[in-house]
Amino acid sequence: MNIDTMSVAVYAKGRELYDFGYYRDERMDLRQVNFGAANLRGHINIPIDLSTDHGNTSDFVRFVKILDEIIGDLRDGLLLVFDARVDAKQMLDRITERNMRYITTKRLNKSDEPWISS
């Protein structure tokens, strides 16, 4: 299973669709909407959750909402894939409590860079 989120700047008049702010670029003047998707991987690639949220919502908040919406429908032993912005104890505890596995990137310490580059 793969979970991912994205943000887009929009030019919309309906206030309920967006919030001002673009936290990655510190552009508080942009109207933003966040999207999230969870899909089964492998040979089927079926989306099982598609959601939107107001702009300026962190990836961690979006991932937790998506996981909470779908975790009851997932089977034990499932492998979840996500990026390092969500690598937090709260998220990992929810996954391991259900006997699921995960793969994520991990930011290394600055002190690890010399031996990795060599």
Protein backbone atom coordinates (compact mmCIF):
# COMPACT_ATOMS: atom_id res chain seq x y z
CA MET A 1 0.00 0.00 0.00
CA ASN A 2 1.22 3.50 -0.82
CA ILE A 3 0.10 6.72 0.88
CA ASP A 4 1.02 10.13 -0.51
CA THR A 5 -0.09 13.75 -0.23
CA MET A 6 0.39 16.85 -2.33
CA SER A 7 -0.49 20.53 -2.21
CA VAL A 8 -1.50 22.83 -5.03
CA ALA A 9 -1.99 26.56 -5.25
CA VAL A 10 -5.46 27.43 -6.53
CA TYR A 11 -7.28 30.47 -7.82
CA ALA A 12 -10.75 29.80 -6.44
CA LYS A 13 -13.44 32.04 -5.02
CA GLY A 14 -15.12 29.47 -2.76
CA ARG A 15 -13.53 30.05 0.67
CA GLU A 16 -14.46 26.56 1.93
CA LEU A 17 -12.10 25.03 -0.63
CA TYR A 18 -8.80 26.49 0.49
CA ASP A 19 -6.75 28.23 3.18
CA PHE A 20 -4.07 30.80 2.61
CA GLY A 21 -0.52 29.65 3.09
CA TYR A 22 2.08 27.48 1.52
CA TYR A 23 4.24 26.30 4.39
CA ARG A 24 6.98 24.70 2.28
CA ASP A 25 7.81 27.96 0.52
CA GLU A 26 6.63 30.24 3.35
CA ARG A 27 4.24 31.87 0.88
CA MET A 28 1.32 32.90 3.05
CA ASP A 29 -0.29 34.79 0.14
CA LEU A 30 -1.12 31.67 -1.90
CA ARG A 31 -4.47 29.88 -1.78
CA GLN A 32 -3.76 26.22 -1.21
CA VAL A 33 -5.62 22.89 -1.24
CA ASN A 34 -4.11 19.60 -0.05
CA PHE A 35 -4.85 16.21 -1.58
CA GLY A 36 -4.16 12.79 -0.17
CA ALA A 37 -4.37 9.33 -1.69
CA ALA A 38 -3.92 5.78 -0.52
CA ASN A 39 -3.72 3.00 -3.06
CA LEU A 40 -3.10 -0.71 -3.10
CA ARG A 41 0.08 -1.51 -4.95
CA GLY A 42 1.26 -4.42 -6.96
CA HIS A 43 -0.58 -5.60 -9.98
CA ILE A 44 -3.87 -3.80 -9.21
CA ASN A 45 -3.02 -0.21 -8.09
CA ILE A 46 -6.55 0.54 -6.87
CA PRO A 47 -7.08 3.79 -4.94
CA ILE A 48 -8.91 3.10 -1.68
CA ASP A 49 -8.91 6.60 -0.19
CA LEU A 50 -8.92 9.98 -1.92
CA SER A 51 -9.32 13.06 0.23
CA THR A 52 -8.90 16.81 0.27
CA ASP A 53 -8.10 19.20 3.08
CA HIS A 54 -7.68 22.91 3.49
CA GLY A 55 -4.31 24.31 2.57
CA ASN A 56 -1.46 24.79 4.99
CA THR A 57 -2.05 21.39 6.61
CA SER A 58 1.12 19.43 7.34
CA ASP A 59 1.80 16.09 5.67
CA PHE A 60 1.87 14.39 9.06
CA VAL A 61 -1.68 15.57 9.88
CA ARG A 62 -2.90 14.41 6.45
CA PHE A 63 -1.24 10.99 6.76
CA VAL A 64 -2.73 10.37 10.21
CA LYS A 65 -6.22 11.28 8.91
CA ILE A 66 -5.84 8.99 5.90
CA LEU A 67 -4.52 6.11 8.01
CA ASP A 68 -7.33 6.54 10.56
CA GLU A 69 -9.92 6.44 7.76
CA ILE A 70 -8.67 3.20 6.24
CA ILE A 71 -6.87 1.21 8.94
CA GLY A 72 -10.00 -0.73 9.92
CA ASP A 73 -10.32 -2.03 6.36
CA LEU A 74 -6.73 -3.21 6.00
CA ARG A 75 -5.52 -6.74 6.60
CA ASP A 76 -2.80 -7.64 9.09
CA GLY A 77 0.69 -7.98 7.66
CA LEU A 78 0.17 -5.30 5.02
CA LEU A 79 3.24 -3.29 3.95
CA LEU A 80 2.76 0.50 3.96
CA VAL A 81 5.12 2.81 2.06
CA PHE A 82 5.47 6.52 2.86
CA ASP A 83 8.08 9.26 3.02
CA ALA A 84 10.13 10.58 5.93
CA ARG A 85 7.86 13.52 6.72
CA VAL A 86 5.52 11.04 8.37
CA ASP A 87 8.13 8.97 10.16
CA ALA A 88 6.84 9.72 13.66
CA LYS A 89 6.16 7.51 16.66
CA GLN A 90 2.41 8.18 16.62
CA MET A 91 2.10 6.98 13.02
CA LEU A 92 4.44 4.00 13.41
CA ASP A 93 2.64 2.85 16.57
CA ARG A 94 -0.70 2.78 14.72
CA ILE A 95 0.84 0.65 12.00
CA THR A 96 2.66 -1.83 14.25
CA GLU A 97 -0.35 -2.23 16.59
CA ARG A 98 -2.15 -3.85 13.64
CA ASN A 99 0.80 -6.19 12.87
CA MET A 100 1.50 -4.24 9.68
CA ARG A 101 4.92 -3.45 8.28
CA TYR A 102 6.26 -0.21 6.81
CA ILE A 103 9.02 1.18 4.65
CA THR A 104 10.04 4.79 4.97
CA THR A 105 13.07 6.93 4.34
CA LYS A 106 15.03 8.07 7.32
CA ARG A 107 16.99 11.31 7.53
CA LEU A 108 20.51 10.53 8.61
CA ASN A 109 22.60 12.57 10.97
CA LYS A 110 24.96 15.09 9.41
CA SER A 111 27.84 13.12 10.95
CA ASP A 112 26.91 10.09 8.79
CA GLU A 113 27.47 11.90 5.49
CA PRO A 114 31.28 11.43 5.19
CA TRP A 115 31.22 7.63 5.51
CA ILE A 116 28.21 7.32 3.20
CA SER A 117 29.80 9.46 0.47
CA SER A 118 33.03 7.45 0.63
